[in-house]
Amino acid sequence: MQGGGFLRIALLAIAGFLAYQYFLGGSHHAAQSQPLAREAMVTPSVRAPYQYCDINTDYFQARLSTRGAAVSHFELTKPKYQKHGQPIDLSTTPHPGVAVGSPRAEDPSAPGLHEFRQLE
């Protein structure tokens, strides 16, 4: 019979793998687990005011906030992307009905203002 060749090779491979694991691989004692503890969820009572990072290139001007690098302004500066000679602000604001840059828009504790809502 010619069919026993594959079975012999498979059994030798399994035996070789088990011998390798027993003699050379793995540890013979249980691994120590890392201690897990709950981290304290402490938030400051007063948040620091927003700070901004301005990025200016030949092609665009952008303003990012220090809280999550949120884009507060993004303008393309090439004449092709200007309207009446002024660059168009392409960023959206998550504060509907609140003027950009007003103290109310900068207040992260204001209810509902931090959520993005699409106006119809």
N, C-alpha and C. Protein backbone atom coordinates (compact mmCIF):
# COMPACT_ATOMS: atom_id res chain seq x y z
N MET A 1 0.83 -1.18 0.00
CA MET A 1 0.00 0.00 0.00
C MET A 1 0.87 1.25 0.00
N GLN A 2 0.46 2.22 -0.79
CA GLN A 2 1.23 3.44 -0.92
C GLN A 2 0.67 4.58 -0.05
N GLY A 3 -0.45 4.46 0.58
CA GLY A 3 -1.11 5.54 1.30
C GLY A 3 -0.55 5.82 2.68
N GLY A 4 0.34 5.01 3.21
CA GLY A 4 0.83 5.20 4.57
C GLY A 4 1.95 6.23 4.69
N GLY A 5 2.50 6.71 3.58
CA GLY A 5 3.62 7.66 3.62
C GLY A 5 3.23 9.00 4.25
N PHE A 6 2.09 9.53 3.88
CA PHE A 6 1.65 10.80 4.42
C PHE A 6 1.35 10.69 5.91
N LEU A 7 0.72 9.61 6.33
CA LEU A 7 0.39 9.41 7.74
C LEU A 7 1.66 9.33 8.58
N ARG A 8 2.69 8.62 8.06
CA ARG A 8 3.96 8.53 8.78
C ARG A 8 4.60 9.91 8.96
N ILE A 9 4.62 10.70 7.91
CA ILE A 9 5.22 12.04 7.97
C ILE A 9 4.44 12.93 8.94
N ALA A 10 3.13 12.87 8.92
CA ALA A 10 2.31 13.68 9.82
C ALA A 10 2.55 13.30 11.27
N LEU A 11 2.61 12.00 11.58
CA LEU A 11 2.86 11.57 12.96
C LEU A 11 4.26 11.96 13.41
N LEU A 12 5.26 11.84 12.53
CA LEU A 12 6.63 12.26 12.90
C LEU A 12 6.69 13.77 13.13
N ALA A 13 5.97 14.56 12.35
CA ALA A 13 5.95 16.01 12.54
C ALA A 13 5.31 16.38 13.88
N ILE A 14 4.21 15.73 14.22
CA ILE A 14 3.55 15.99 15.50
C ILE A 14 4.44 15.58 16.65
N ALA A 15 5.08 14.41 16.55
CA ALA A 15 5.99 13.94 17.61
C ALA A 15 7.17 14.88 17.76
N GLY A 16 7.70 15.38 16.65
CA GLY A 16 8.82 16.32 16.71
C GLY A 16 8.42 17.63 17.35
N PHE A 17 7.25 18.13 17.01
CA PHE A 17 6.76 19.36 17.61
C PHE A 17 6.57 19.23 19.11
N LEU A 18 5.95 18.13 19.55
CA LEU A 18 5.74 17.92 20.98
C LEU A 18 7.06 17.77 21.73
N ALA A 19 8.04 17.08 21.13
CA ALA A 19 9.35 16.93 21.76
C ALA A 19 10.05 18.28 21.87
N TYR A 20 9.95 19.09 20.85
CA TYR A 20 10.55 20.42 20.89
C TYR A 20 9.91 21.26 21.99
N GLN A 21 8.59 21.23 22.09
CA GLN A 21 7.90 22.01 23.12
C GLN A 21 8.27 21.53 24.53
N TYR A 22 8.43 20.24 24.71
CA TYR A 22 8.71 19.72 26.03
C TYR A 22 10.16 19.98 26.45
N PHE A 23 11.12 19.78 25.55
CA PHE A 23 12.54 19.89 25.92
C PHE A 23 13.12 21.28 25.71
N LEU A 24 12.73 21.98 24.67
CA LEU A 24 13.37 23.25 24.34
C LEU A 24 12.46 24.46 24.46
N GLY A 25 11.23 24.30 24.13
CA GLY A 25 10.36 25.46 24.09
C GLY A 25 9.54 25.64 25.34
N GLY A 26 9.14 26.89 25.57
CA GLY A 26 8.24 27.18 26.68
C GLY A 26 8.86 26.98 28.05
N SER A 27 8.21 27.50 29.04
CA SER A 27 8.69 27.33 30.40
C SER A 27 7.94 26.18 31.07
N HIS A 28 8.56 25.60 32.06
CA HIS A 28 7.96 24.46 32.75
C HIS A 28 7.22 24.89 34.02
N HIS A 29 7.20 26.19 34.29
CA HIS A 29 6.46 26.70 35.45
C HIS A 29 5.47 27.76 34.99
N ALA A 30 4.51 28.00 35.79
CA ALA A 30 3.46 28.95 35.43
C ALA A 30 4.03 30.38 35.40
N ALA A 31 3.63 31.14 34.43
CA ALA A 31 4.06 32.52 34.32
C ALA A 31 3.36 33.35 35.40
N GLN A 32 4.10 34.30 35.94
CA GLN A 32 3.51 35.17 36.95
C GLN A 32 2.64 36.20 36.26
N SER A 33 1.47 36.41 36.82
CA SER A 33 0.58 37.41 36.23
C SER A 33 0.94 38.80 36.75
N GLN A 34 0.69 39.78 35.93
CA GLN A 34 0.96 41.15 36.33
C GLN A 34 -0.15 41.64 37.26
N PRO A 35 0.22 42.42 38.26
CA PRO A 35 -0.82 42.94 39.15
C PRO A 35 -1.66 43.99 38.42
N LEU A 36 -2.95 43.85 38.54
CA LEU A 36 -3.87 44.79 37.92
C LEU A 36 -4.55 45.60 39.01
N ALA A 37 -4.59 46.89 38.80
CA ALA A 37 -5.27 47.77 39.75
C ALA A 37 -6.03 48.84 38.97
N ARG A 38 -7.10 49.31 39.52
CA ARG A 38 -7.85 50.37 38.87
C ARG A 38 -7.10 51.67 39.00
N GLU A 39 -7.04 52.40 37.90
CA GLU A 39 -6.39 53.70 37.92
C GLU A 39 -7.38 54.74 38.39
N ALA A 40 -6.87 55.68 39.11
CA ALA A 40 -7.73 56.76 39.60
C ALA A 40 -8.17 57.63 38.44
N MET A 41 -9.46 57.95 38.41
CA MET A 41 -9.99 58.80 37.35
C MET A 41 -10.14 60.21 37.90
N VAL A 42 -9.04 60.90 37.94
CA VAL A 42 -9.02 62.25 38.50
C VAL A 42 -9.00 63.25 37.35
N THR A 43 -9.93 64.16 37.39
CA THR A 43 -9.93 65.24 36.41
C THR A 43 -9.75 66.55 37.15
N PRO A 44 -9.07 67.48 36.56
CA PRO A 44 -8.87 68.76 37.25
C PRO A 44 -10.19 69.51 37.39
N SER A 45 -10.31 70.26 38.47
CA SER A 45 -11.55 71.01 38.69
C SER A 45 -11.66 72.19 37.73
N VAL A 46 -10.53 72.75 37.33
CA VAL A 46 -10.52 73.86 36.38
C VAL A 46 -9.63 73.46 35.22
N ARG A 47 -10.17 73.53 34.03
CA ARG A 47 -9.40 73.17 32.86
C ARG A 47 -8.61 74.37 32.37
N ALA A 48 -7.44 74.10 31.85
CA ALA A 48 -6.61 75.16 31.29
C ALA A 48 -7.29 75.70 30.03
N PRO A 49 -7.09 76.96 29.73
CA PRO A 49 -7.73 77.51 28.52
C PRO A 49 -7.12 76.90 27.27
N TYR A 50 -7.89 76.99 26.19
CA TYR A 50 -7.41 76.48 24.92
C TYR A 50 -6.16 77.24 24.49
N GLN A 51 -5.26 76.53 23.85
CA GLN A 51 -4.14 77.16 23.18
C GLN A 51 -4.18 76.68 21.75
N TYR A 52 -3.60 77.46 20.86
CA TYR A 52 -3.70 77.12 19.45
C TYR A 52 -2.33 77.03 18.81
N CYS A 53 -2.25 76.19 17.79
CA CYS A 53 -1.05 76.04 16.98
C CYS A 53 -1.41 76.44 15.56
N ASP A 54 -0.73 77.46 15.04
CA ASP A 54 -1.00 77.90 13.67
C ASP A 54 0.01 77.29 12.72
N ILE A 55 -0.47 76.74 11.62
CA ILE A 55 0.38 76.15 10.59
C ILE A 55 0.12 76.93 9.31
N ASN A 56 1.16 77.56 8.78
CA ASN A 56 1.03 78.36 7.57
C ASN A 56 2.00 77.82 6.52
N THR A 57 1.48 77.50 5.34
CA THR A 57 2.31 77.08 4.21
C THR A 57 1.90 77.90 3.00
N ASP A 58 2.53 77.63 1.87
CA ASP A 58 2.15 78.32 0.63
C ASP A 58 0.78 77.89 0.14
N TYR A 59 0.31 76.74 0.59
CA TYR A 59 -0.93 76.18 0.07
C TYR A 59 -2.11 76.31 1.03
N PHE A 60 -1.87 76.33 2.33
CA PHE A 60 -2.98 76.40 3.28
C PHE A 60 -2.54 77.07 4.57
N GLN A 61 -3.54 77.49 5.34
CA GLN A 61 -3.36 77.99 6.70
C GLN A 61 -4.31 77.18 7.58
N ALA A 62 -3.77 76.66 8.68
CA ALA A 62 -4.59 75.86 9.58
C ALA A 62 -4.35 76.30 11.01
N ARG A 63 -5.36 76.13 11.83
CA ARG A 63 -5.25 76.41 13.27
C ARG A 63 -5.79 75.20 14.01
N LEU A 64 -4.92 74.63 14.87
CA LEU A 64 -5.28 73.44 15.65
C LEU A 64 -5.34 73.81 17.12
N SER A 65 -6.25 73.19 17.85
CA SER A 65 -6.35 73.44 19.28
C SER A 65 -5.51 72.41 20.04
N THR A 66 -5.21 72.72 21.29
CA THR A 66 -4.41 71.81 22.10
C THR A 66 -5.24 70.67 22.67
N ARG A 67 -6.50 70.70 22.51
CA ARG A 67 -7.35 69.60 23.00
C ARG A 67 -7.70 68.69 21.84
N GLY A 68 -6.91 67.65 21.66
CA GLY A 68 -7.16 66.68 20.62
C GLY A 68 -6.79 67.14 19.23
N ALA A 69 -6.04 68.21 19.09
CA ALA A 69 -5.63 68.75 17.80
C ALA A 69 -6.84 68.99 16.90
N ALA A 70 -7.90 69.49 17.48
CA ALA A 70 -9.11 69.78 16.72
C ALA A 70 -8.83 70.93 15.76
N VAL A 71 -9.28 70.80 14.53
CA VAL A 71 -9.07 71.84 13.53
C VAL A 71 -10.12 72.92 13.74
N SER A 72 -9.69 74.12 14.11
CA SER A 72 -10.65 75.20 14.29
C SER A 72 -10.76 76.06 13.05
N HIS A 73 -9.70 76.14 12.23
CA HIS A 73 -9.74 76.86 10.95
C HIS A 73 -8.86 76.12 9.96
N PHE A 74 -9.31 76.07 8.70
CA PHE A 74 -8.51 75.50 7.63
C PHE A 74 -8.88 76.25 6.36
N GLU A 75 -7.90 76.98 5.80
CA GLU A 75 -8.13 77.78 4.61
C GLU A 75 -7.10 77.46 3.55
N LEU A 76 -7.56 77.26 2.31
CA LEU A 76 -6.65 77.10 1.18
C LEU A 76 -6.29 78.49 0.68
N THR A 77 -5.00 78.75 0.45
CA THR A 77 -4.56 80.11 0.16
C THR A 77 -4.36 80.41 -1.32
N LYS A 78 -4.43 79.43 -2.18
CA LYS A 78 -4.26 79.68 -3.61
C LYS A 78 -5.47 80.44 -4.16
N PRO A 79 -5.28 81.32 -5.13
CA PRO A 79 -6.41 82.11 -5.68
C PRO A 79 -7.54 81.26 -6.23
N LYS A 80 -7.25 80.06 -6.68
CA LYS A 80 -8.28 79.18 -7.23
C LYS A 80 -9.34 78.85 -6.18
N TYR A 81 -8.97 78.84 -4.91
CA TYR A 81 -9.87 78.43 -3.83
C TYR A 81 -10.33 79.61 -2.99
N GLN A 82 -10.37 80.80 -3.58
CA GLN A 82 -10.81 81.97 -2.85
C GLN A 82 -12.14 82.46 -3.41
N LYS A 83 -12.90 83.11 -2.55
CA LYS A 83 -14.18 83.67 -2.95
C LYS A 83 -14.13 85.16 -2.69
N HIS A 84 -14.26 85.96 -3.72
CA HIS A 84 -14.17 87.42 -3.63
C HIS A 84 -12.83 87.85 -3.04
N GLY A 85 -11.77 87.15 -3.41
CA GLY A 85 -10.42 87.51 -2.98
C GLY A 85 -10.07 87.08 -1.56
N GLN A 86 -10.98 86.44 -0.86
CA GLN A 86 -10.74 85.99 0.51
C GLN A 86 -10.76 84.46 0.55
N PRO A 87 -9.83 83.85 1.31
CA PRO A 87 -9.86 82.40 1.43
C PRO A 87 -11.11 81.94 2.18
N ILE A 88 -11.59 80.76 1.82
CA ILE A 88 -12.80 80.19 2.44
C ILE A 88 -12.38 79.29 3.58
N ASP A 89 -13.00 79.47 4.74
CA ASP A 89 -12.71 78.61 5.89
C ASP A 89 -13.42 77.28 5.67
N LEU A 90 -12.66 76.19 5.50
CA LEU A 90 -13.23 74.89 5.19
C LEU A 90 -13.54 74.06 6.42
N SER A 91 -13.18 74.53 7.59
CA SER A 91 -13.44 73.74 8.80
C SER A 91 -14.89 73.90 9.22
N THR A 92 -15.40 72.87 9.86
CA THR A 92 -16.74 72.95 10.42
C THR A 92 -16.61 73.19 11.91
N THR A 93 -17.62 73.73 12.49
CA THR A 93 -17.58 73.98 13.92
C THR A 93 -18.60 73.08 14.61
N PRO A 94 -18.22 72.47 15.74
CA PRO A 94 -19.18 71.63 16.45
C PRO A 94 -20.10 72.43 17.37
N HIS A 95 -20.13 73.75 17.22
CA HIS A 95 -20.95 74.60 18.08
C HIS A 95 -21.98 75.32 17.22
N PRO A 96 -23.08 74.68 16.86
CA PRO A 96 -24.06 75.37 16.03
C PRO A 96 -24.69 76.54 16.77
N GLY A 97 -24.77 77.65 16.08
CA GLY A 97 -25.38 78.84 16.67
C GLY A 97 -24.47 79.63 17.57
N VAL A 98 -23.21 79.21 17.70
CA VAL A 98 -22.26 79.93 18.55
C VAL A 98 -21.15 80.46 17.66
N ALA A 99 -20.84 81.72 17.80
CA ALA A 99 -19.79 82.32 16.98
C ALA A 99 -18.44 81.69 17.31
N VAL A 100 -17.67 81.39 16.26
CA VAL A 100 -16.35 80.80 16.45
C VAL A 100 -15.45 81.81 17.17
N GLY A 101 -14.77 81.35 18.20
CA GLY A 101 -13.87 82.21 18.96
C GLY A 101 -14.52 82.90 20.13
N SER A 102 -15.84 82.77 20.28
CA SER A 102 -16.50 83.40 21.41
C SER A 102 -16.21 82.60 22.68
N PRO A 103 -16.29 83.23 23.85
CA PRO A 103 -16.02 82.48 25.09
C PRO A 103 -16.97 81.30 25.28
N ARG A 104 -18.19 81.40 24.80
CA ARG A 104 -19.14 80.29 24.93
C ARG A 104 -18.69 79.08 24.12
N ALA A 105 -18.09 79.31 22.95
CA ALA A 105 -17.60 78.21 22.13
C ALA A 105 -16.35 77.57 22.74
N GLU A 106 -15.63 78.33 23.54
CA GLU A 106 -14.40 77.82 24.15
C GLU A 106 -14.67 77.07 25.44
N ASP A 107 -15.90 77.09 25.95
CA ASP A 107 -16.21 76.46 27.22
C ASP A 107 -16.56 74.99 27.01
N PRO A 108 -15.65 74.06 27.38
CA PRO A 108 -15.94 72.65 27.15
C PRO A 108 -16.99 72.08 28.10
N SER A 109 -17.31 72.81 29.17
CA SER A 109 -18.30 72.29 30.13
C SER A 109 -19.72 72.68 29.75
N ALA A 110 -19.88 73.49 28.71
CA ALA A 110 -21.22 73.90 28.30
C ALA A 110 -21.99 72.69 27.79
N PRO A 111 -23.21 72.48 28.26
CA PRO A 111 -23.95 71.27 27.87
C PRO A 111 -24.33 71.30 26.39
N GLY A 112 -24.02 70.20 25.73
CA GLY A 112 -24.43 70.04 24.35
C GLY A 112 -23.57 70.71 23.31
N LEU A 113 -22.71 71.62 23.70
CA LEU A 113 -21.92 72.33 22.71
C LEU A 113 -20.76 71.50 22.20
N HIS A 114 -20.35 70.49 22.93
CA HIS A 114 -19.22 69.68 22.50
C HIS A 114 -19.61 68.63 21.48
N GLU A 115 -20.90 68.44 21.28
CA GLU A 115 -21.36 67.43 20.34
C GLU A 115 -21.50 68.02 18.96
N PHE A 116 -21.16 67.24 17.95
CA PHE A 116 -21.31 67.71 16.58
C PHE A 116 -22.74 67.49 16.13
N ARG A 117 -23.34 68.52 15.62
CA ARG A 117 -24.69 68.42 15.09
C ARG A 117 -24.69 69.02 13.69
N GLN A 118 -25.29 68.32 12.78
CA GLN A 118 -25.36 68.83 11.41
C GLN A 118 -26.63 69.64 11.26
N LEU A 119 -26.47 70.87 10.77
CA LEU A 119 -27.64 71.71 10.58
C LEU A 119 -28.31 71.37 9.26
N GLU A 120 -29.60 71.52 9.22
CA GLU A 120 -30.33 71.19 8.00
C GLU A 120 -30.43 72.37 7.10
